[in-house]
Protein backbone atom coordinates (compact mmCIF):
# COMPACT_ATOMS: atom_id res chain seq x y z
CA MET A 1 33.64 43.49 13.98
CA ILE A 2 33.67 39.24 13.46
CA LYS A 3 32.45 38.65 16.83
CA SER A 4 29.03 40.68 16.18
CA ASP A 5 29.19 39.54 12.37
CA VAL A 6 29.06 35.81 13.74
CA ILE A 7 26.47 36.69 16.54
CA THR A 8 24.13 38.08 13.60
CA PHE A 9 24.60 35.16 11.93
CA THR A 10 23.84 33.11 14.33
CA LEU A 11 20.70 34.97 15.53
CA LEU A 12 19.58 34.84 11.54
CA PHE A 13 20.35 31.24 11.68
CA MET A 14 18.17 30.39 14.77
CA GLN A 15 15.33 32.70 13.36
CA LEU A 16 15.28 30.53 9.97
CA SER A 17 15.29 27.13 12.14
CA CYS A 18 12.83 28.13 14.28
CA GLY A 19 10.77 29.57 11.62
CA PHE A 20 10.39 26.96 9.32
CA GLY A 21 8.94 24.45 11.74
CA GLY A 22 5.39 23.56 10.77
CA LYS A 23 2.49 22.71 11.98
CA ILE A 24 1.46 19.32 10.80
CA LEU A 25 -1.91 17.32 11.50
CA VAL A 26 -1.65 13.97 11.20
CA PHE A 27 -4.99 11.61 10.39
CA PRO A 28 -3.07 7.69 10.69
CA LEU A 29 -4.41 4.29 9.90
CA ASP A 30 -3.59 2.03 13.32
CA GLY A 31 -2.26 -0.94 12.66
CA SER A 32 0.96 -1.81 10.63
CA HIS A 33 0.27 1.53 8.42
CA TRP A 34 0.94 3.26 11.82
CA ILE A 35 4.46 2.05 11.99
CA ASN A 36 5.34 3.88 8.73
CA MET A 37 3.66 6.77 9.71
CA LYS A 38 5.16 6.87 12.76
CA GLY A 39 8.64 6.81 11.39
CA ILE A 40 8.12 9.80 9.14
CA ILE A 41 6.95 11.64 12.29
CA GLU A 42 9.75 11.02 13.90
CA VAL A 43 12.15 12.19 11.50
CA LEU A 44 9.98 15.53 11.00
CA HIS A 45 10.05 16.30 14.68
CA ALA A 46 13.69 15.96 14.92
CA LYS A 47 13.95 18.45 12.42
CA GLY A 48 11.33 20.92 14.56
CA HIS A 49 8.42 20.52 13.55
CA GLU A 50 5.28 20.20 15.67
CA ILE A 51 3.32 17.53 15.37
CA THR A 52 -0.57 16.72 15.89
CA VAL A 53 -1.86 13.19 15.80
CA ILE A 54 -5.65 12.65 15.71
CA ARG A 55 -6.00 8.92 17.53
CA PRO A 56 -9.31 6.95 18.28
CA SER A 57 -9.42 6.43 22.06
CA GLY A 58 -9.13 2.76 22.05
CA SER A 59 -6.09 2.68 19.40
CA TRP A 60 -4.08 -0.08 19.02
CA TYR A 61 -0.98 0.38 17.77
CA ILE A 62 -1.31 4.30 18.55
CA ALA A 63 -0.04 5.76 21.71
CA GLU A 64 -1.46 8.66 23.61
CA LYS A 65 1.62 9.64 24.90
CA SER A 66 4.78 10.27 22.82
CA PRO A 67 7.73 12.80 22.99
CA HIS A 68 7.26 13.32 19.15
CA TYR A 69 3.75 14.50 19.02
CA MET A 70 0.74 15.65 21.16
CA SER A 71 -2.80 13.51 20.44
CA VAL A 72 -6.09 14.59 19.98
CA ASN A 73 -8.33 11.83 21.19
CA LEU A 74 -11.77 10.50 19.26
CA PRO A 75 -14.02 8.11 21.08
CA GLY A 76 -14.14 5.04 19.17
CA GLN A 77 -12.68 1.93 17.94
CA GLU A 78 -12.86 0.62 21.38
CA GLY A 79 -11.77 -3.41 21.32
CA PHE A 80 -10.97 -2.90 17.81
CA LYS A 81 -7.44 -5.01 18.63
CA GLU A 82 -9.05 -7.83 19.34
CA GLN A 83 -11.89 -8.08 16.90
CA PHE A 84 -9.59 -7.54 14.20
CA GLU A 85 -7.27 -10.23 15.51
CA GLN A 86 -10.10 -12.49 15.92
CA PHE A 87 -10.82 -11.94 12.14
CA VAL A 88 -7.53 -12.69 10.97
CA SER A 89 -8.04 -16.05 12.85
CA LEU A 90 -11.25 -16.80 11.62
CA GLN A 91 -9.70 -15.56 7.98
CA LEU A 92 -6.45 -18.28 8.28
CA GLU A 93 -8.41 -20.75 9.89
CA THR A 94 -11.11 -20.99 7.18
CA MET A 95 -8.67 -20.94 4.50
CA LEU A 96 -6.83 -23.49 6.07
CA GLN A 97 -9.89 -25.36 6.15
CA GLN A 98 -9.75 -25.69 2.57
CA ARG A 99 -6.55 -28.28 2.59
CA SER A 100 -9.05 -30.93 3.03
CA LEU A 101 -11.60 -30.20 -0.10
CA THR A 102 -11.98 -30.92 -3.47
CA LEU A 103 -11.49 -28.32 -5.96
CA LEU A 104 -15.26 -27.55 -6.10
CA PRO A 105 -15.92 -27.31 -2.35
CA ARG A 106 -12.49 -25.15 -2.17
CA ILE A 107 -13.45 -22.66 -4.68
CA TRP A 108 -17.01 -21.83 -2.88
CA SER A 109 -15.25 -21.57 0.50
CA LYS A 110 -12.27 -18.80 -1.13
CA PHE A 111 -15.11 -16.83 -2.41
CA GLN A 112 -17.13 -16.96 0.67
CA ASN A 113 -13.82 -16.11 2.41
CA GLU A 114 -13.44 -13.27 0.41
CA PHE A 115 -16.99 -12.03 1.06
CA VAL A 116 -16.64 -12.51 4.92
CA THR A 117 -13.49 -9.93 4.28
CA LEU A 118 -15.28 -7.66 2.43
CA ARG A 119 -17.91 -7.11 4.95
CA GLN A 120 -15.58 -6.90 7.81
CA PHE A 121 -13.93 -3.78 5.63
CA SER A 122 -17.21 -2.37 5.34
CA LEU A 123 -18.12 -2.41 8.80
CA PHE A 124 -14.76 -0.80 9.79
CA HIS A 125 -15.35 1.77 7.25
CA GLU A 126 -18.51 2.59 8.89
CA ALA A 127 -17.37 2.66 12.16
CA HIS A 128 -14.44 4.70 11.03
CA CYS A 129 -17.54 7.33 9.83
CA LYS A 130 -19.36 7.26 12.54
CA THR A 131 -16.21 8.45 14.62
CA VAL A 132 -15.36 10.96 11.91
CA VAL A 133 -19.27 12.53 12.25
CA GLN A 134 -18.89 13.14 15.97
CA MET A 135 -15.50 14.82 15.39
CA PHE A 136 -17.31 16.98 13.20
CA GLU A 137 -20.09 17.67 15.10
CA ASP A 138 -18.19 18.40 18.26
CA GLU A 139 -17.40 22.53 17.38
CA THR A 140 -15.35 22.72 20.48
CA GLN A 141 -13.12 20.01 18.93
CA MET A 142 -13.15 21.75 15.52
CA GLN A 143 -12.85 25.18 16.39
CA SER A 144 -9.68 24.04 18.14
CA PHE A 145 -8.52 22.65 14.89
CA ARG A 146 -8.99 26.03 13.30
CA ASN A 147 -7.34 27.50 15.55
CA ALA A 148 -4.48 25.56 15.84
CA LYS A 149 -3.54 26.78 11.91
CA TYR A 150 -2.07 23.74 10.48
CA ASP A 151 0.16 24.06 7.69
CA VAL A 152 -0.67 20.45 6.39
CA VAL A 153 -2.85 17.51 6.96
CA LEU A 154 -0.83 14.22 6.91
CA THR A 155 -2.77 11.16 6.38
CA ASP A 156 -3.27 7.55 5.03
CA LEU A 157 -6.25 7.03 2.72
CA GLY A 158 -6.71 3.79 3.98
CA VAL A 159 -9.30 5.80 5.66
CA GLY A 160 -11.09 9.00 4.77
CA GLY A 161 -11.31 11.09 7.83
CA GLY A 162 -7.97 13.29 6.95
CA ALA A 163 -8.91 14.12 3.23
CA MET A 164 -12.67 15.19 4.44
CA LEU A 165 -10.89 16.96 7.75
CA ALA A 166 -8.27 18.69 5.14
CA LYS A 167 -11.25 20.05 3.07
CA LEU A 168 -13.05 21.43 6.06
CA LEU A 169 -9.87 23.06 7.29
CA LYS A 170 -9.10 24.51 3.79
CA VAL A 171 -5.43 23.04 4.57
CA PRO A 172 -3.08 21.25 2.15
CA LEU A 173 -3.28 17.56 2.04
CA ILE A 174 -0.25 14.98 2.08
CA TYR A 175 -0.76 11.32 1.77
CA ASN A 176 1.02 8.34 2.74
CA VAL A 177 -0.30 5.50 0.72
CA ARG A 178 -0.51 2.60 -1.37
CA TRP A 179 -4.00 1.30 -0.82
CA THR A 180 -6.82 3.41 -0.44
CA LEU A 181 -10.80 3.25 -0.01
CA LEU A 182 -11.17 3.71 -3.16
CA GLY A 183 -8.55 0.92 -4.32
CA GLU A 184 -4.78 1.08 -5.21
CA SER A 185 -3.50 4.38 -4.86
CA HIS A 186 -1.45 4.11 -8.53
CA ASP A 187 -4.80 2.73 -10.20
CA ILE A 188 -6.81 5.50 -9.14
CA ILE A 189 -4.61 8.48 -9.40
CA ALA A 190 -2.45 7.51 -12.22
CA PRO A 191 -3.35 6.49 -16.22
CA SER A 192 -3.28 2.60 -15.30
CA PRO A 193 -3.94 0.61 -19.32
CA LEU A 194 -4.62 -2.63 -18.49
CA ALA A 195 -2.62 -4.17 -20.95
CA TYR A 196 0.07 -3.78 -19.14
CA THR A 197 -1.09 -2.93 -15.64
CA PRO A 198 -1.60 -6.03 -13.74
CA PHE A 199 -4.68 -5.34 -11.09
CA LEU A 200 -3.01 -6.04 -7.22
CA ALA A 201 -5.31 -8.66 -6.77
CA ALA A 202 -4.89 -10.45 -10.46
CA GLN A 203 -0.85 -11.50 -9.34
CA LEU A 204 -0.49 -10.67 -12.97
CA THR A 205 3.14 -9.16 -14.18
CA ASP A 206 2.74 -6.31 -16.81
CA LYS A 207 3.87 -9.03 -19.64
CA MET A 208 0.12 -10.79 -20.34
CA THR A 209 -1.04 -13.13 -22.92
CA PHE A 210 -4.09 -12.66 -23.96
CA SER A 211 -6.42 -15.05 -21.79
CA GLN A 212 -4.13 -13.28 -19.01
CA ARG A 213 -5.44 -9.58 -19.77
CA VAL A 214 -8.79 -11.01 -20.10
CA PHE A 215 -8.50 -12.07 -16.47
CA ASN A 216 -6.71 -8.47 -15.71
CA VAL A 217 -9.59 -6.66 -17.03
CA LEU A 218 -12.38 -8.96 -14.89
CA TYR A 219 -10.61 -8.45 -11.87
CA TYR A 220 -10.16 -4.85 -12.07
CA THR A 221 -14.00 -4.63 -12.75
CA PHE A 222 -14.55 -6.65 -9.83
CA GLY A 223 -12.13 -4.99 -7.60
CA TYR A 224 -13.64 -1.66 -9.09
CA LEU A 225 -17.19 -2.70 -7.92
CA THR A 226 -16.37 -4.38 -4.05
CA THR A 227 -14.67 -1.14 -3.60
CA LYS A 228 -17.86 0.96 -4.04
CA PHE A 229 -19.68 -1.87 -2.33
CA ILE A 230 -17.03 -1.19 0.91
CA SER A 231 -16.53 1.92 1.16
CA GLU A 232 -18.63 4.17 -0.85
CA PRO A 233 -22.15 3.86 1.21
CA HIS A 234 -20.51 5.29 4.08
CA TYR A 235 -18.30 8.16 3.25
CA LYS A 236 -20.85 9.40 0.21
CA PRO A 237 -23.74 10.66 2.72
CA ILE A 238 -20.77 12.32 4.59
CA VAL A 239 -19.49 13.95 1.68
CA LYS A 240 -22.74 15.39 0.87
CA HIS A 241 -23.97 16.29 4.05
CA TYR A 242 -20.81 18.43 4.43
CA PHE A 243 -19.65 19.82 1.23
CA GLY A 244 -22.94 20.20 -0.38
CA SER A 245 -24.23 17.49 -3.56
CA ASP A 246 -22.02 19.81 -6.06
CA VAL A 247 -18.47 17.98 -4.36
CA ASP A 248 -17.98 14.67 -6.13
CA TYR A 249 -17.24 12.02 -3.84
CA THR A 250 -14.18 10.56 -5.89
CA THR A 251 -12.50 13.79 -6.55
CA LEU A 252 -12.60 15.25 -2.93
CA PHE A 253 -10.45 11.94 -2.16
CA LEU A 254 -8.05 12.39 -5.12
CA ASP A 255 -7.74 16.24 -4.56
CA ALA A 256 -4.24 15.58 -2.45
CA ASP A 257 -1.21 17.85 -3.28
CA ILE A 258 1.23 14.97 -3.13
CA TRP A 259 1.01 11.14 -2.84
CA LEU A 260 3.83 9.63 -1.09
CA MET A 261 3.81 6.25 -2.29
CA ARG A 262 5.21 3.21 -0.26
CA ASN A 263 6.84 1.57 -3.24
CA ASN A 264 8.76 2.44 -6.07
CA PHE A 265 10.35 1.11 -9.66
CA VAL A 266 12.63 -1.53 -7.93
CA PHE A 267 9.41 -3.39 -6.39
CA GLU A 268 6.69 -1.81 -9.01
CA PHE A 269 6.48 -2.92 -12.81
CA PRO A 270 7.06 0.15 -14.90
CA ARG A 271 3.76 2.30 -15.32
CA PRO A 272 2.74 5.96 -16.11
CA THR A 273 2.78 8.43 -13.68
CA LEU A 274 2.05 12.35 -12.49
CA PRO A 275 4.04 14.91 -10.99
CA ASN A 276 2.69 14.90 -7.77
CA ILE A 277 3.58 11.28 -7.10
CA VAL A 278 6.50 10.92 -4.87
CA TYR A 279 7.95 7.48 -4.25
CA MET A 280 9.24 6.38 -1.04
CA GLY A 281 9.55 2.64 -1.34
CA GLY A 282 11.96 1.34 1.64
CA PHE A 283 11.94 4.55 3.71
CA GLN A 284 11.28 2.49 6.64
CA CYS A 285 14.85 0.54 6.06
CA LYS A 286 17.67 1.56 8.36
CA PRO A 287 21.31 0.20 8.81
CA PRO A 288 21.25 -2.49 11.11
CA LYS A 289 22.16 -2.84 15.14
CA HIS A 290 23.64 -5.51 17.03
CA LEU A 291 22.17 -8.45 17.45
CA PRO A 292 21.26 -9.72 20.98
CA ALA A 293 24.24 -11.69 22.42
CA ASP A 294 22.35 -14.72 22.67
CA LEU A 295 21.25 -14.82 18.58
CA GLU A 296 24.70 -13.50 17.82
CA GLU A 297 26.26 -16.97 18.73
CA PHE A 298 23.40 -18.94 17.53
CA VAL A 299 23.69 -17.27 14.08
CA GLN A 300 27.73 -17.84 14.64
CA ASN A 301 27.51 -21.51 15.35
CA SER A 302 25.76 -21.92 12.07
CA GLY A 303 29.16 -21.74 10.30
CA ASP A 304 29.63 -21.52 6.37
CA HIS A 305 25.90 -22.87 5.63
CA GLY A 306 24.34 -19.62 7.25
CA VAL A 307 20.80 -19.13 8.62
CA VAL A 308 17.19 -19.41 7.58
CA ILE A 309 14.79 -16.68 9.09
CA MET A 310 11.02 -16.90 9.78
CA THR A 311 8.16 -15.02 10.98
CA LEU A 312 4.63 -14.32 9.42
CA GLY A 313 4.22 -11.13 11.00
CA THR A 314 2.73 -9.94 14.30
CA LEU A 315 -0.91 -11.10 13.69
CA VAL A 316 -0.02 -14.40 13.02
CA GLY A 317 2.13 -15.92 15.98
CA THR A 318 0.52 -19.99 15.82
CA LEU A 319 -0.64 -22.11 13.27
CA PRO A 320 -2.73 -25.49 13.23
CA GLU A 321 -1.06 -28.32 14.61
CA ASP A 322 -0.22 -30.25 11.62
CA MET A 323 0.76 -27.67 9.53
CA THR A 324 3.63 -26.51 12.66
CA GLU A 325 4.46 -30.02 12.58
CA GLU A 326 5.14 -29.86 8.50
CA ILE A 327 7.14 -26.74 8.71
CA ALA A 328 9.27 -28.11 11.49
CA ALA A 329 10.30 -31.26 10.11
CA ALA A 330 11.34 -29.58 6.46
CA PHE A 331 13.49 -27.14 8.60
CA ALA A 332 14.83 -30.17 10.74
CA GLN A 333 16.09 -31.54 7.08
CA LEU A 334 18.32 -28.17 6.82
CA PRO A 335 21.91 -28.12 7.39
CA GLN A 336 21.14 -24.22 7.96
CA LYS A 337 20.19 -22.95 11.54
CA VAL A 338 16.85 -22.08 11.92
CA ILE A 339 15.02 -18.62 13.90
CA TRP A 340 11.57 -19.05 13.66
CA ARG A 341 9.06 -16.80 15.40
CA TYR A 342 6.13 -18.89 16.88
CA LEU A 343 4.22 -18.72 20.07
CA GLY A 344 2.64 -21.96 19.89
CA PRO A 345 3.67 -25.16 21.44
CA LYS A 346 7.12 -26.72 20.75
CA PRO A 347 6.58 -28.69 17.72
CA ALA A 348 7.26 -32.35 17.77
CA ASN A 349 9.10 -32.59 15.22
CA LEU A 350 11.17 -29.97 15.86
CA GLY A 351 15.15 -30.17 14.77
CA ASN A 352 18.25 -29.25 17.01
CA ASN A 353 19.10 -26.53 14.35
CA THR A 354 16.01 -24.49 15.08
CA LEU A 355 15.37 -21.53 17.79
CA LEU A 356 11.79 -20.79 18.46
CA VAL A 357 11.72 -17.09 19.71
CA LYS A 358 8.73 -15.00 20.65
CA TRP A 359 10.05 -11.51 18.90
CA LEU A 360 13.10 -11.28 16.95
CA PRO A 361 14.93 -8.07 15.05
CA GLN A 362 13.60 -8.54 11.65
CA ASN A 363 15.68 -6.00 10.01
CA ASP A 364 19.16 -6.75 12.10
CA LEU A 365 18.94 -10.39 11.55
CA LEU A 366 17.90 -9.79 7.37
CA ALA A 367 21.21 -7.49 7.74
CA HIS A 368 23.39 -10.26 9.09
CA PRO A 369 25.52 -11.67 6.58
CA LYS A 370 25.03 -15.05 7.44
CA THR A 371 21.56 -15.07 6.75
CA ARG A 372 20.47 -17.19 3.76
CA VAL A 373 17.04 -17.04 2.95
CA PHE A 374 13.93 -14.87 4.73
CA VAL A 375 10.34 -17.23 4.95
CA THR A 376 7.68 -14.71 5.04
CA HIS A 377 3.52 -13.91 4.77
CA GLY A 378 5.01 -10.85 2.36
CA GLY A 379 3.86 -8.01 4.58
CA ILE A 380 5.58 -5.12 2.54
CA ASN A 381 7.61 -3.87 5.26
CA GLY A 382 9.20 -7.05 5.63
CA VAL A 383 9.16 -7.36 1.97
CA GLN A 384 11.02 -3.91 1.47
CA GLU A 385 13.48 -4.96 3.99
CA ALA A 386 14.47 -8.00 2.24
CA ILE A 387 15.27 -5.92 -1.39
CA TYR A 388 17.00 -3.68 0.71
CA HIS A 389 19.31 -6.20 2.65
CA GLY A 390 19.49 -8.45 -0.71
CA VAL A 391 17.96 -11.14 1.00
CA PRO A 392 16.42 -14.29 -1.02
CA ILE A 393 12.41 -15.12 0.12
CA VAL A 394 10.40 -18.00 0.40
CA GLY A 395 6.74 -16.72 0.70
CA LEU A 396 3.75 -18.05 2.38
CA PRO A 397 1.39 -15.61 1.53
CA LEU A 398 -1.88 -15.41 3.58
CA PHE A 399 -4.21 -12.50 2.58
CA PHE A 400 -4.77 -8.92 1.98
CA ASP A 401 -1.85 -7.60 -0.01
CA GLN A 402 0.47 -10.40 0.67
CA HIS A 403 0.16 -12.21 -2.91
CA ASP A 404 0.68 -9.76 -4.65
CA ASN A 405 4.16 -8.30 -2.98
CA LEU A 406 5.23 -11.68 -3.13
CA ASN A 407 4.23 -12.29 -6.90
CA ARG A 408 6.07 -8.88 -7.58
CA ILE A 409 9.29 -10.60 -6.19
CA ARG A 410 8.72 -13.80 -7.36
CA ALA A 411 8.35 -12.20 -11.03
CA LYS A 412 11.92 -10.53 -10.19
CA GLY A 413 13.58 -13.55 -9.93
CA GLY A 414 14.05 -13.10 -5.90
CA ALA A 415 11.25 -15.29 -4.36
CA GLU A 416 10.04 -18.83 -4.40
CA ASN A 417 6.58 -18.94 -3.60
CA VAL A 418 4.20 -21.48 -1.60
CA ASP A 419 0.57 -21.89 -1.49
CA ILE A 420 -0.06 -22.65 2.51
CA VAL A 421 -3.28 -24.41 1.77
CA MET A 422 -0.85 -27.16 -0.37
CA LEU A 423 1.76 -26.88 1.94
CA ASP A 424 3.62 -30.19 3.52
CA ARG A 425 7.28 -30.46 4.74
CA HIS A 426 8.20 -32.02 0.98
CA ILE A 427 7.07 -29.03 -0.82
CA PHE A 428 8.04 -26.74 1.65
CA VAL A 429 11.89 -28.21 2.16
CA ASP A 430 11.86 -28.21 -1.92
CA ALA A 431 11.06 -24.68 -2.16
CA LEU A 432 13.66 -24.03 0.63
CA LEU A 433 16.31 -26.51 -0.76
CA ASN A 434 15.37 -24.67 -4.59
CA VAL A 435 16.23 -20.63 -3.11
CA LEU A 436 19.42 -22.08 -1.47
CA HIS A 437 21.06 -23.74 -3.79
CA ASN A 438 19.98 -21.42 -6.68
CA SER A 439 22.04 -18.63 -6.79
CA SER A 440 20.08 -16.53 -9.19
CA TYR A 441 17.51 -16.14 -6.64
CA ARG A 442 20.12 -13.95 -3.94
CA GLU A 443 21.84 -12.55 -7.14
CA ASN A 444 18.60 -11.20 -8.29
CA MET A 445 18.01 -9.57 -4.73
CA GLN A 446 21.13 -8.24 -4.21
CA ARG A 447 20.72 -6.41 -7.77
CA LEU A 448 17.63 -5.01 -6.04
CA SER A 449 19.30 -3.79 -3.40
CA ARG A 450 21.63 -2.23 -5.22
CA LEU A 451 18.85 -0.76 -7.25
CA GLN A 452 17.48 0.29 -3.99
CA ARG A 453 20.29 2.16 -2.67
CA ASP A 454 21.60 4.24 -5.55
CA GLN A 455 19.06 6.89 -5.36
CA PRO A 456 20.48 10.85 -5.45
CA MET A 457 18.41 11.28 -2.24
CA LYS A 458 17.23 8.48 0.67
CA PRO A 459 13.68 7.44 0.49
CA MET A 460 12.59 9.00 4.14
CA ASP A 461 14.97 12.38 2.89
CA GLN A 462 12.56 12.43 0.20
CA ALA A 463 9.26 12.65 1.68
CA VAL A 464 10.28 14.92 4.42
CA PHE A 465 11.15 17.08 1.24
CA TRP A 466 8.19 17.44 -0.66
CA ILE A 467 6.06 17.53 2.78
CA GLU A 468 8.07 20.70 3.67
CA TYR A 469 7.96 21.83 -0.10
CA VAL A 470 4.30 21.56 0.76
CA ILE A 471 4.27 23.99 3.83
CA ARG A 472 6.61 26.36 2.53
CA HIS A 473 4.68 26.77 -0.54
CA LYS A 474 1.26 26.23 0.95
CA GLY A 475 0.42 23.40 -1.22
CA ALA A 476 1.50 21.99 -4.36
CA GLY A 477 -1.94 22.57 -6.80
CA HIS A 478 0.53 23.12 -9.57
CA LEU A 479 1.38 19.66 -9.58
CA LYS A 480 -2.05 18.13 -9.69
CA ALA A 481 -3.39 16.70 -12.75
CA GLU A 482 -6.94 18.38 -13.85
CA SER A 483 -7.61 14.45 -15.12
CA ASN A 484 -8.83 13.78 -11.22
CA LYS A 485 -11.82 16.61 -11.54
CA MET A 486 -13.08 14.72 -14.69
CA SER A 487 -15.51 12.27 -15.41
CA SER A 488 -15.01 9.28 -16.94
CA ILE A 489 -16.88 9.89 -20.00
CA VAL A 490 -14.58 13.39 -20.14
CA TYR A 491 -11.32 12.10 -19.34
CA HIS A 492 -11.85 8.71 -21.88
CA SER A 493 -12.78 11.71 -24.47
CA VAL A 494 -16.25 9.74 -24.93
CA ASP A 495 -18.05 13.02 -25.77
CA VAL A 496 -15.35 14.11 -28.18
CA ILE A 497 -15.47 11.28 -29.89
CA VAL A 498 -19.06 11.20 -30.07
CA THR A 499 -19.29 14.39 -31.17
CA LEU A 500 -16.73 14.09 -34.20
CA LEU A 501 -18.45 10.40 -34.95
CA THR A 502 -21.46 12.59 -35.21
CA ILE A 503 -20.24 15.00 -37.63
CA PHE A 504 -18.65 12.67 -39.56
CA LEU A 505 -21.46 10.64 -40.20
CA LEU A 506 -23.62 13.76 -40.70
CA LEU A 507 -21.10 14.78 -43.68
CA ILE A 508 -21.18 11.04 -45.04
CA PHE A 509 -24.79 11.30 -44.92
CA THR A 510 -25.39 14.95 -46.70
CA CYS A 511 -22.38 13.90 -49.29
CA PHE A 512 -24.53 10.81 -49.96
CA PHE A 513 -28.17 12.81 -50.11
CA ILE A 514 -26.29 15.58 -52.23
CA PHE A 515 -24.72 12.65 -54.55
CA ARG A 516 -28.34 11.11 -55.06
CA PHE A 517 -29.82 14.45 -55.43
CA LEU A 518 -27.47 15.41 -58.00
CA CYS A 519 -27.81 12.09 -59.86
CA ARG A 520 -31.20 12.41 -59.97
CA ILE A 521 -31.03 15.67 -61.73
CA CYS A 522 -28.58 14.49 -64.18
CA LEU A 523 -31.11 11.70 -65.05
CA ASN A 524 -34.20 13.90 -65.06
CA MET A 525 -32.30 15.96 -67.35
CA LYS A 526 -31.34 12.92 -69.63
CA LYS A 527 -34.71 11.63 -69.97
CA THR A 528 -35.62 15.24 -71.02
CA LYS A 529 -33.36 15.44 -73.62
CA ASP A 530 -34.17 11.68 -74.85
CA GLU A 531 -37.95 12.73 -74.80
């Protein structure tokens, strides 16, 4: 009897386990965004879900073959890696040329650089839209998607293909986001009062003076207009063609069941939120592995001074020679050992304390007890790992969201940031010594680390739970705010205010005219009586 019960229970458990595995269609964004998406995919696959990833044939980071997913190849993006690396190299070169310019030429150069960046992103969205149209027009491929009967589409709103595909397939939609083609994700989905919600490009905090609030409004307005310039001309015709003129462009992209935010309120400033926003900041952070033997020996030889690690991300492996020499000279003045990811020629000023490497295990080094400072460009993955392991930062922001990421850590007391345009050995070493010798930087980062870790559920587990939640319930429409379908006039009750104001003014004028009419009657009666 007991044996029979065990067999029955086992069969039921297997049936439940197998039955729950969902079919997930992933439309990712290439580059560093894929690293975040890949981590989620691996966990979903381990839990028994069937994953299909849509990738351009010329993809940079997204492998065609993987043990964790099947892939669907779309034509397009050939040479994207080389083009993007050239763009980043040109951006960096142009930015560093500002070092030799006076104030006004520097401002003009910065403006030109911003315009080039916007133009490049516009071209990127244009190319993406061509790929999407090719996919939509391929009836065989679209029928294959329909026949697969996916439970959910998981995508990055940095591009719009995934959202439009989910709409066509009538499948629940989940975003893995921070930046989107419409702007910063919080700003477009949740209430964002500009009095205490800093626009990302403004590099402000939630405590603003009057002049800062003025700048915040101006930055927000400029950001809103530039976003329309970058993406709307390319996506709007597609939305109109495939979904009809009655489908609002913005509403379509905001109509996701769940927004998985790659941040949280350890990193973010407090602000309003919505029930379908799930915070998974630090989800990619994980316990460390052992360092390679040569690196471990180098770190241990640092003694009580410890080590400083520096990397400017995978895209920036070299810097101009004069800047490299200044950084090397600054490092040579430190008693700490330095591990520096650098792919260029060996600097003449390189000290005996500095080890140049072509690759470093960033997470494992940040977790090492002898790591004292992390010198970084401010990519969100590195910043989140520094928070997780409680390592203070010296920031050298270059472009994109890096200035804002580091500004937030600086505002929370965990970072000292240096303008790379103004960098020399004296400025750099002062920043390093300040963070090394002022214990408040480490204490603040360790406080953020405790907050990051003190959660009822790990960020990755929370992300997976909500993906499975949408699969189980075939969506999460009950969590979606109606505000996303409203026009600005309705959302801000402009029509109601105008109506009430009109009624009020009509009442005032009516009372005025009645009073005036009664006054005339009284005057006429008095005049008649006197006569």
